[in-house]
Amino acid sequence: MEVLAIDKNKIVTENQSEVNHYSRNCLFPIFLKLENLETIIVGGGNIALEKLRALINNSPDAKVELLAKEIKTEVKEFLIKYKIPFREKLFEEKDITGKNLVIVAIDDQKVSAEIHKICERQNILVNVADTPDYCDFYLSSIVQKGNLKIAISTNGKSPTIAKRVKDILNDAFPDEINDVLNNMEVIRKKLSGDFKKKVFQLNNITSVLTLKTQAENSKQLKIEDSFIYVSIAIGLIIGFLLGEYL
């Protein structure tokens, strides 16, 4: 009888790889030019308004319309203000024919499931609010400073964490980062040579900033270390004095 040799290390590695695959975020981040796509939001309540604001704030020229049986006054005011077309009627399959993106923001799970099936049949990407199983894509938390835009995803696990990360990054990046990007664009356009040479030149230009940052960080660390040592020394002195006089 043939005996098969088993490499335990290989098994552990493969299992670990499988675990890592299923425990990480496998969503593919992508930035869309919504002015070139047809988007429709189904729903006329607060969630629909939240989605509308997200779209318009990020893509002011987005081609978007809204459809709902009933549209709240606040939503209607937003639609009128930004000249977004809307229809107050019951949903029909023909309403999404020819659309590229569909965002469903209604409380009716049955209708939401029906719209999801229709989108699936017509190869239309759909997002059903608060229903990950019916989502082909998610709307991310966004950090934006001028031309810099960062999308944050927790794979649908925790919008609260996504918002916290957004706040941290908003504080971390100064508003002047946009000036840096504009300056880098000017420099990039003036560089000559092929792509490899341009990358080399850009690295040389930005290395000065890196060295300066490293020096500042090193200086900061030395200052912080000094404070730590001084604090320890003061603590020891106080401890000694207390021991002497108590």
C-alpha atoms as a PDB file:
ATOM      1  CA  MET A   1       0.000   0.000   0.000  1.00  0.00           C
ATOM      2  CA  GLU A   2       1.349   3.428  -0.941  1.00  0.00           C
ATOM      3  CA  VAL A   3       1.830   5.838   1.949  1.00  0.00           C
ATOM      4  CA  LEU A   4       1.374   9.536   1.239  1.00  0.00           C
ATOM      5  CA  ALA A   5       3.773  11.918   2.953  1.00  0.00           C
ATOM      6  CA  ILE A   6       2.021  14.835   4.638  1.00  0.00           C
ATOM      7  CA  ASP A   7       3.767  18.130   5.122  1.00  0.00           C
ATOM      8  CA  LYS A   8       2.169  19.589   8.277  1.00  0.00           C
ATOM      9  CA  ASN A   9       3.759  22.981   7.698  1.00  0.00           C
ATOM     10  CA  LYS A  10       2.177  23.155   4.261  1.00  0.00           C
ATOM     11  CA  ILE A  11      -1.234  22.271   5.688  1.00  0.00           C
ATOM     12  CA  VAL A  12      -0.962  25.016   8.290  1.00  0.00           C
ATOM     13  CA  THR A  13       0.133  27.506   5.644  1.00  0.00           C
ATOM     14  CA  GLU A  14      -2.724  26.613   3.303  1.00  0.00           C
ATOM     15  CA  ASN A  15      -5.290  26.714   6.104  1.00  0.00           C
ATOM     16  CA  GLN A  16      -3.905  30.018   7.303  1.00  0.00           C
ATOM     17  CA  SER A  17      -4.083  31.355   3.758  1.00  0.00           C
ATOM     18  CA  GLU A  18      -7.710  30.266   3.546  1.00  0.00           C
ATOM     19  CA  VAL A  19      -8.496  31.908   6.879  1.00  0.00           C
ATOM     20  CA  ASN A  20      -6.775  35.115   5.797  1.00  0.00           C
ATOM     21  CA  HIS A  21      -8.739  35.104   2.542  1.00  0.00           C
ATOM     22  CA  TYR A  22     -12.079  34.970   4.333  1.00  0.00           C
ATOM     23  CA  SER A  23     -11.125  37.301   7.189  1.00  0.00           C
ATOM     24  CA  ARG A  24      -9.957  40.224   5.067  1.00  0.00           C
ATOM     25  CA  ASN A  25     -11.762  42.817   3.004  1.00  0.00           C
ATOM     26  CA  CYS A  26     -11.858  41.536  -0.585  1.00  0.00           C
ATOM     27  CA  LEU A  27     -13.875  44.433  -2.001  1.00  0.00           C
ATOM     28  CA  PHE A  28     -12.284  46.169  -4.978  1.00  0.00           C
ATOM     29  CA  PRO A  29     -12.094  49.969  -4.473  1.00  0.00           C
ATOM     30  CA  ILE A  30     -13.050  51.992  -7.520  1.00  0.00           C
ATOM     31  CA  PHE A  31     -13.828  55.655  -8.247  1.00  0.00           C
ATOM     32  CA  LEU A  32     -16.653  56.247 -10.717  1.00  0.00           C
ATOM     33  CA  LYS A  33     -17.331  59.192 -13.024  1.00  0.00           C
ATOM     34  CA  LEU A  34     -21.031  59.481 -12.210  1.00  0.00           C
ATOM     35  CA  GLU A  35     -21.499  62.202 -14.807  1.00  0.00           C
ATOM     36  CA  ASN A  36     -20.997  59.439 -17.399  1.00  0.00           C
ATOM     37  CA  LEU A  37     -23.344  56.937 -15.738  1.00  0.00           C
ATOM     38  CA  GLU A  38     -27.097  56.747 -15.180  1.00  0.00           C
ATOM     39  CA  THR A  39     -28.011  56.400 -11.496  1.00  0.00           C
ATOM     40  CA  ILE A  40     -31.422  56.094  -9.867  1.00  0.00           C
ATOM     41  CA  ILE A  41     -32.364  56.158  -6.192  1.00  0.00           C
ATOM     42  CA  VAL A  42     -35.551  54.336  -5.216  1.00  0.00           C
ATOM     43  CA  GLY A  43     -36.974  55.820  -2.027  1.00  0.00           C
ATOM     44  CA  GLY A  44     -38.112  59.178  -0.717  1.00  0.00           C
ATOM     45  CA  GLY A  45     -37.246  59.169   2.993  1.00  0.00           C
ATOM     46  CA  ASN A  46     -34.291  60.015   5.225  1.00  0.00           C
ATOM     47  CA  ILE A  47     -32.081  57.181   3.963  1.00  0.00           C
ATOM     48  CA  ALA A  48     -32.677  58.252   0.367  1.00  0.00           C
ATOM     49  CA  LEU A  49     -31.721  61.812   1.326  1.00  0.00           C
ATOM     50  CA  GLU A  50     -28.526  60.532   2.945  1.00  0.00           C
ATOM     51  CA  LYS A  51     -27.597  58.687  -0.266  1.00  0.00           C
ATOM     52  CA  LEU A  52     -28.467  61.728  -2.384  1.00  0.00           C
ATOM     53  CA  ARG A  53     -26.248  63.988  -0.306  1.00  0.00           C
ATOM     54  CA  ALA A  54     -23.373  61.514  -0.537  1.00  0.00           C
ATOM     55  CA  LEU A  55     -23.673  61.401  -4.335  1.00  0.00           C
ATOM     56  CA  ILE A  56     -23.996  65.147  -4.881  1.00  0.00           C
ATOM     57  CA  ASN A  57     -21.316  66.102  -2.343  1.00  0.00           C
ATOM     58  CA  ASN A  58     -18.818  63.815  -4.063  1.00  0.00           C
ATOM     59  CA  SER A  59     -20.026  64.120  -7.662  1.00  0.00           C
ATOM     60  CA  PRO A  60     -21.902  67.408  -8.206  1.00  0.00           C
ATOM     61  CA  ASP A  61     -22.399  66.624 -11.912  1.00  0.00           C
ATOM     62  CA  ALA A  62     -23.756  63.112 -11.333  1.00  0.00           C
ATOM     63  CA  LYS A  63     -26.603  61.985 -13.588  1.00  0.00           C
ATOM     64  CA  VAL A  64     -29.038  60.887 -10.913  1.00  0.00           C
ATOM     65  CA  GLU A  65     -32.797  60.775 -10.520  1.00  0.00           C
ATOM     66  CA  LEU A  66     -35.104  59.719  -7.703  1.00  0.00           C
ATOM     67  CA  LEU A  67     -38.236  57.603  -7.731  1.00  0.00           C
ATOM     68  CA  ALA A  68     -40.600  56.985  -4.823  1.00  0.00           C
ATOM     69  CA  LYS A  69     -44.250  56.446  -4.030  1.00  0.00           C
ATOM     70  CA  GLU A  70     -44.016  59.263  -1.483  1.00  0.00           C
ATOM     71  CA  ILE A  71     -41.261  61.870  -1.178  1.00  0.00           C
ATOM     72  CA  LYS A  72     -40.675  63.725   2.080  1.00  0.00           C
ATOM     73  CA  THR A  73     -40.730  67.515   1.933  1.00  0.00           C
ATOM     74  CA  GLU A  74     -37.065  67.776   2.977  1.00  0.00           C
ATOM     75  CA  VAL A  75     -36.055  65.363   0.214  1.00  0.00           C
ATOM     76  CA  LYS A  76     -38.125  67.235  -2.348  1.00  0.00           C
ATOM     77  CA  GLU A  77     -36.520  70.536  -1.336  1.00  0.00           C
ATOM     78  CA  PHE A  78     -33.064  69.010  -1.851  1.00  0.00           C
ATOM     79  CA  LEU A  79     -34.072  67.659  -5.269  1.00  0.00           C
ATOM     80  CA  ILE A  80     -35.420  71.031  -6.379  1.00  0.00           C
ATOM     81  CA  LYS A  81     -32.384  72.912  -5.020  1.00  0.00           C
ATOM     82  CA  TYR A  82     -29.939  70.759  -7.010  1.00  0.00           C
ATOM     83  CA  LYS A  83     -32.249  70.370 -10.016  1.00  0.00           C
ATOM     84  CA  ILE A  84     -32.407  66.590  -9.690  1.00  0.00           C
ATOM     85  CA  PRO A  85     -35.265  64.984 -11.649  1.00  0.00           C
ATOM     86  CA  PHE A  86     -37.741  62.915  -9.636  1.00  0.00           C
ATOM     87  CA  ARG A  87     -40.973  60.976 -10.068  1.00  0.00           C
ATOM     88  CA  GLU A  88     -43.560  60.338  -7.368  1.00  0.00           C
ATOM     89  CA  LYS A  89     -44.991  56.947  -8.334  1.00  0.00           C
ATOM     90  CA  LEU A  90     -44.921  53.228  -7.608  1.00  0.00           C
ATOM     91  CA  PHE A  91     -41.838  51.349  -8.799  1.00  0.00           C
ATOM     92  CA  GLU A  92     -42.022  49.445 -12.094  1.00  0.00           C
ATOM     93  CA  GLU A  93     -39.360  47.314 -13.761  1.00  0.00           C
ATOM     94  CA  LYS A  94     -39.140  49.665 -16.735  1.00  0.00           C
ATOM     95  CA  ASP A  95     -38.035  52.475 -14.375  1.00  0.00           C
ATOM     96  CA  ILE A  96     -34.522  51.038 -14.098  1.00  0.00           C
ATOM     97  CA  THR A  97     -34.075  49.836 -17.664  1.00  0.00           C
ATOM     98  CA  GLY A  98     -30.935  51.425 -19.092  1.00  0.00           C
ATOM     99  CA  LYS A  99     -29.595  52.458 -15.682  1.00  0.00           C
ATOM    100  CA  ASN A 100     -26.029  51.686 -14.611  1.00  0.00           C
ATOM    101  CA  LEU A 101     -26.456  52.011 -10.849  1.00  0.00           C
ATOM    102  CA  VAL A 102     -29.506  51.504  -8.644  1.00  0.00           C
ATOM    103  CA  ILE A 103     -29.647  52.515  -4.986  1.00  0.00           C
ATOM    104  CA  VAL A 104     -32.636  51.201  -3.040  1.00  0.00           C
ATOM    105  CA  ALA A 105     -33.559  53.105   0.122  1.00  0.00           C
ATOM    106  CA  ILE A 106     -36.996  51.867   1.181  1.00  0.00           C
ATOM    107  CA  ASP A 107     -38.384  50.036   4.226  1.00  0.00           C
ATOM    108  CA  ASP A 108     -40.198  47.368   2.195  1.00  0.00           C
ATOM    109  CA  GLN A 109     -37.969  44.248   2.175  1.00  0.00           C
ATOM    110  CA  LYS A 110     -40.199  42.453  -0.321  1.00  0.00           C
ATOM    111  CA  VAL A 111     -39.976  45.246  -2.900  1.00  0.00           C
ATOM    112  CA  SER A 112     -36.245  45.633  -2.203  1.00  0.00           C
ATOM    113  CA  ALA A 113     -35.708  41.926  -2.927  1.00  0.00           C
ATOM    114  CA  GLU A 114     -37.762  42.243  -6.110  1.00  0.00           C
ATOM    115  CA  ILE A 115     -35.693  45.219  -7.324  1.00  0.00           C
ATOM    116  CA  HIS A 116     -32.503  43.296  -6.539  1.00  0.00           C
ATOM    117  CA  LYS A 117     -33.681  40.367  -8.688  1.00  0.00           C
ATOM    118  CA  ILE A 118     -34.581  42.682 -11.566  1.00  0.00           C
ATOM    119  CA  CYS A 119     -31.159  44.364 -11.388  1.00  0.00           C
ATOM    120  CA  GLU A 120     -29.475  40.969 -11.324  1.00  0.00           C
ATOM    121  CA  ARG A 121     -31.432  39.936 -14.394  1.00  0.00           C
ATOM    122  CA  GLN A 122     -30.546  43.145 -16.254  1.00  0.00           C
ATOM    123  CA  ASN A 123     -26.877  43.163 -15.133  1.00  0.00           C
ATOM    124  CA  ILE A 124     -27.310  46.440 -13.249  1.00  0.00           C
ATOM    125  CA  LEU A 125     -25.219  47.123 -10.149  1.00  0.00           C
ATOM    126  CA  VAL A 126     -27.448  47.609  -7.110  1.00  0.00           C
ATOM    127  CA  ASN A 127     -27.106  48.719  -3.505  1.00  0.00           C
ATOM    128  CA  VAL A 128     -29.952  47.966  -1.100  1.00  0.00           C
ATOM    129  CA  ALA A 129     -29.553  50.027   2.069  1.00  0.00           C
ATOM    130  CA  ASP A 130     -28.715  48.017   5.208  1.00  0.00           C
ATOM    131  CA  THR A 131     -28.937  44.705   3.311  1.00  0.00           C
ATOM    132  CA  PRO A 132     -25.390  43.509   2.448  1.00  0.00           C
ATOM    133  CA  ASP A 133     -26.654  40.337   0.730  1.00  0.00           C
ATOM    134  CA  TYR A 134     -28.427  42.518  -1.840  1.00  0.00           C
ATOM    135  CA  CYS A 135     -25.461  44.823  -2.470  1.00  0.00           C
ATOM    136  CA  ASP A 136     -23.074  44.706  -5.427  1.00  0.00           C
ATOM    137  CA  PHE A 137     -21.298  47.755  -4.003  1.00  0.00           C
ATOM    138  CA  TYR A 138     -21.194  49.899  -0.867  1.00  0.00           C
ATOM    139  CA  LEU A 139     -21.074  53.659  -0.426  1.00  0.00           C
ATOM    140  CA  SER A 140     -17.896  54.372   1.525  1.00  0.00           C
ATOM    141  CA  SER A 141     -17.054  56.889   4.197  1.00  0.00           C
ATOM    142  CA  ILE A 142     -15.097  59.587   2.379  1.00  0.00           C
ATOM    143  CA  VAL A 143     -12.182  61.790   3.357  1.00  0.00           C
ATOM    144  CA  GLN A 144     -11.694  64.690   0.945  1.00  0.00           C
ATOM    145  CA  LYS A 145      -9.184  67.514   0.945  1.00  0.00           C
ATOM    146  CA  GLY A 146      -9.337  69.196  -2.455  1.00  0.00           C
ATOM    147  CA  ASN A 147      -8.176  66.668  -5.050  1.00  0.00           C
ATOM    148  CA  LEU A 148      -7.244  64.099  -2.426  1.00  0.00           C
ATOM    149  CA  LYS A 149     -10.049  61.630  -1.860  1.00  0.00           C
ATOM    150  CA  ILE A 150      -9.833  58.516   0.313  1.00  0.00           C
ATOM    151  CA  ALA A 151     -12.618  55.932   0.491  1.00  0.00           C
ATOM    152  CA  ILE A 152     -12.917  53.859   3.678  1.00  0.00           C
ATOM    153  CA  SER A 153     -14.531  50.439   3.930  1.00  0.00           C
ATOM    154  CA  THR A 154     -14.991  48.028   6.837  1.00  0.00           C
ATOM    155  CA  ASN A 155     -16.567  45.445   4.522  1.00  0.00           C
ATOM    156  CA  GLY A 156     -19.962  46.366   5.932  1.00  0.00           C
ATOM    157  CA  LYS A 157     -18.877  45.332   9.446  1.00  0.00           C
ATOM    158  CA  SER A 158     -18.986  48.663  11.268  1.00  0.00           C
ATOM    159  CA  PRO A 159     -20.029  52.044   9.832  1.00  0.00           C
ATOM    160  CA  THR A 160     -19.128  53.514  13.240  1.00  0.00           C
ATOM    161  CA  ILE A 161     -15.478  52.451  12.884  1.00  0.00           C
ATOM    162  CA  ALA A 162     -15.440  53.763   9.304  1.00  0.00           C
ATOM    163  CA  LYS A 163     -16.655  57.146  10.573  1.00  0.00           C
ATOM    164  CA  ARG A 164     -14.014  57.157  13.321  1.00  0.00           C
ATOM    165  CA  VAL A 165     -11.241  56.419  10.801  1.00  0.00           C
ATOM    166  CA  LYS A 166     -12.647  59.196   8.616  1.00  0.00           C
ATOM    167  CA  ASP A 167     -12.422  61.679  11.510  1.00  0.00           C
ATOM    168  CA  ILE A 168      -8.831  60.627  12.260  1.00  0.00           C
ATOM    169  CA  LEU A 169      -7.735  61.027   8.631  1.00  0.00           C
ATOM    170  CA  ASN A 170      -9.552  64.350   8.309  1.00  0.00           C
ATOM    171  CA  ASP A 171      -7.531  65.653  11.240  1.00  0.00           C
ATOM    172  CA  ALA A 172      -4.297  64.072   9.974  1.00  0.00           C
ATOM    173  CA  PHE A 173      -4.313  65.702   6.530  1.00  0.00           C
ATOM    174  CA  PRO A 174      -4.013  69.512   6.498  1.00  0.00           C
ATOM    175  CA  ASP A 175      -6.081  71.508   4.009  1.00  0.00           C
ATOM    176  CA  GLU A 176      -2.805  72.572   2.358  1.00  0.00           C
ATOM    177  CA  ILE A 177      -2.361  69.017   1.023  1.00  0.00           C
ATOM    178  CA  ASN A 178      -4.240  70.163  -2.081  1.00  0.00           C
ATOM    179  CA  ASP A 179      -1.549  72.796  -2.758  1.00  0.00           C
ATOM    180  CA  VAL A 180       1.060  70.030  -2.532  1.00  0.00           C
ATOM    181  CA  LEU A 181      -0.855  67.952  -5.085  1.00  0.00           C
ATOM    182  CA  ASN A 182      -1.153  70.913  -7.461  1.00  0.00           C
ATOM    183  CA  ASN A 183       2.568  71.631  -7.165  1.00  0.00           C
ATOM    184  CA  MET A 184       3.414  67.975  -7.794  1.00  0.00           C
ATOM    185  CA  GLU A 185       1.258  68.020 -10.926  1.00  0.00           C
ATOM    186  CA  VAL A 186       3.170  71.043 -12.266  1.00  0.00           C
ATOM    187  CA  ILE A 187       6.490  69.324 -11.532  1.00  0.00           C
ATOM    188  CA  ARG A 188       5.340  66.048 -13.111  1.00  0.00           C
ATOM    189  CA  LYS A 189       4.324  67.818 -16.339  1.00  0.00           C
ATOM    190  CA  LYS A 190       7.734  69.485 -16.605  1.00  0.00           C
ATOM    191  CA  LEU A 191       9.670  66.238 -16.237  1.00  0.00           C
ATOM    192  CA  SER A 192      11.072  64.642 -19.379  1.00  0.00           C
ATOM    193  CA  GLY A 193      11.880  61.058 -20.310  1.00  0.00           C
ATOM    194  CA  ASP A 194       9.991  57.796 -20.063  1.00  0.00           C
ATOM    195  CA  PHE A 195       7.854  56.679 -17.119  1.00  0.00           C
ATOM    196  CA  LYS A 196      10.757  55.026 -15.287  1.00  0.00           C
ATOM    197  CA  LYS A 197      12.893  58.156 -15.547  1.00  0.00           C
ATOM    198  CA  LYS A 198      10.036  60.388 -14.367  1.00  0.00           C
ATOM    199  CA  VAL A 199       9.476  58.179 -11.319  1.00  0.00           C
ATOM    200  CA  PHE A 200      13.208  58.357 -10.542  1.00  0.00           C
ATOM    201  CA  GLN A 201      13.176  62.162 -10.824  1.00  0.00           C
ATOM    202  CA  LEU A 202      10.059  62.478  -8.645  1.00  0.00           C
ATOM    203  CA  ASN A 203      11.630  60.227  -6.017  1.00  0.00           C
ATOM    204  CA  ASN A 204      14.705  62.465  -5.933  1.00  0.00           C
ATOM    205  CA  ILE A 205      12.553  65.577  -5.531  1.00  0.00           C
ATOM    206  CA  THR A 206      10.366  64.139  -2.765  1.00  0.00           C
ATOM    207  CA  SER A 207      13.250  62.421  -0.929  1.00  0.00           C
ATOM    208  CA  VAL A 208      14.199  65.823   0.524  1.00  0.00           C
ATOM    209  CA  LEU A 209      10.776  66.022   2.155  1.00  0.00           C
ATOM    210  CA  THR A 210      11.152  62.479   3.465  1.00  0.00           C
ATOM    211  CA  LEU A 211      14.553  63.178   5.001  1.00  0.00           C
ATOM    212  CA  LYS A 212      13.247  66.374   6.561  1.00  0.00           C
ATOM    213  CA  THR A 213      10.254  64.530   7.988  1.00  0.00           C
ATOM    214  CA  GLN A 214      12.487  61.761   9.336  1.00  0.00           C
ATOM    215  CA  ALA A 215      14.772  64.345  10.938  1.00  0.00           C
ATOM    216  CA  GLU A 216      11.808  66.136  12.500  1.00  0.00           C
ATOM    217  CA  ASN A 217      10.404  62.831  13.746  1.00  0.00           C
ATOM    218  CA  SER A 218      13.799  61.875  15.169  1.00  0.00           C
ATOM    219  CA  LYS A 219      14.065  65.262  16.879  1.00  0.00           C
ATOM    220  CA  GLN A 220      10.539  64.887  18.226  1.00  0.00           C
ATOM    221  CA  LEU A 221      11.328  61.402  19.537  1.00  0.00           C
ATOM    222  CA  LYS A 222      14.450  62.731  21.279  1.00  0.00           C
ATOM    223  CA  ILE A 223      12.381  65.492  22.882  1.00  0.00           C
ATOM    224  CA  GLU A 224       9.732  62.976  23.953  1.00  0.00           C
ATOM    225  CA  ASP A 225      12.437  60.653  25.315  1.00  0.00           C
ATOM    226  CA  SER A 226      13.927  63.550  27.278  1.00  0.00           C
ATOM    227  CA  PHE A 227      10.544  64.304  28.815  1.00  0.00           C
ATOM    228  CA  ILE A 228      10.159  60.643  29.759  1.00  0.00           C
ATOM    229  CA  TYR A 229      13.587  60.516  31.397  1.00  0.00           C
ATOM    230  CA  VAL A 230      12.996  63.803  33.232  1.00  0.00           C
ATOM    231  CA  SER A 231       9.593  62.549  34.424  1.00  0.00           C
ATOM    232  CA  ILE A 232      11.155  59.315  35.702  1.00  0.00           C
ATOM    233  CA  ALA A 233      13.913  61.271  37.460  1.00  0.00           C
ATOM    234  CA  ILE A 234      11.402  63.630  39.093  1.00  0.00           C
ATOM    235  CA  GLY A 235       9.314  60.641  40.132  1.00  0.00           C
ATOM    236  CA  LEU A 236      12.333  58.969  41.751  1.00  0.00           C
ATOM    237  CA  ILE A 237      13.308  62.177  43.564  1.00  0.00           C
ATOM    238  CA  ILE A 238       9.765  62.684  44.867  1.00  0.00           C
ATOM    239  CA  GLY A 239       9.635  59.041  45.911  1.00  0.00           C
ATOM    240  CA  PHE A 240      12.957  59.406  47.733  1.00  0.00           C
ATOM    241  CA  LEU A 241      11.841  62.594  49.505  1.00  0.00           C
ATOM    242  CA  LEU A 242       8.530  61.054  50.529  1.00  0.00           C
ATOM    243  CA  GLY A 243      10.401  58.066  51.876  1.00  0.00           C
ATOM    244  CA  GLU A 244      12.695  60.343  53.872  1.00  0.00           C
ATOM    245  CA  TYR A 245      10.079  62.608  55.390  1.00  0.00           C
ATOM    246  CA  LEU A 246       7.001  60.377  55.845  1.00  0.00           C
END
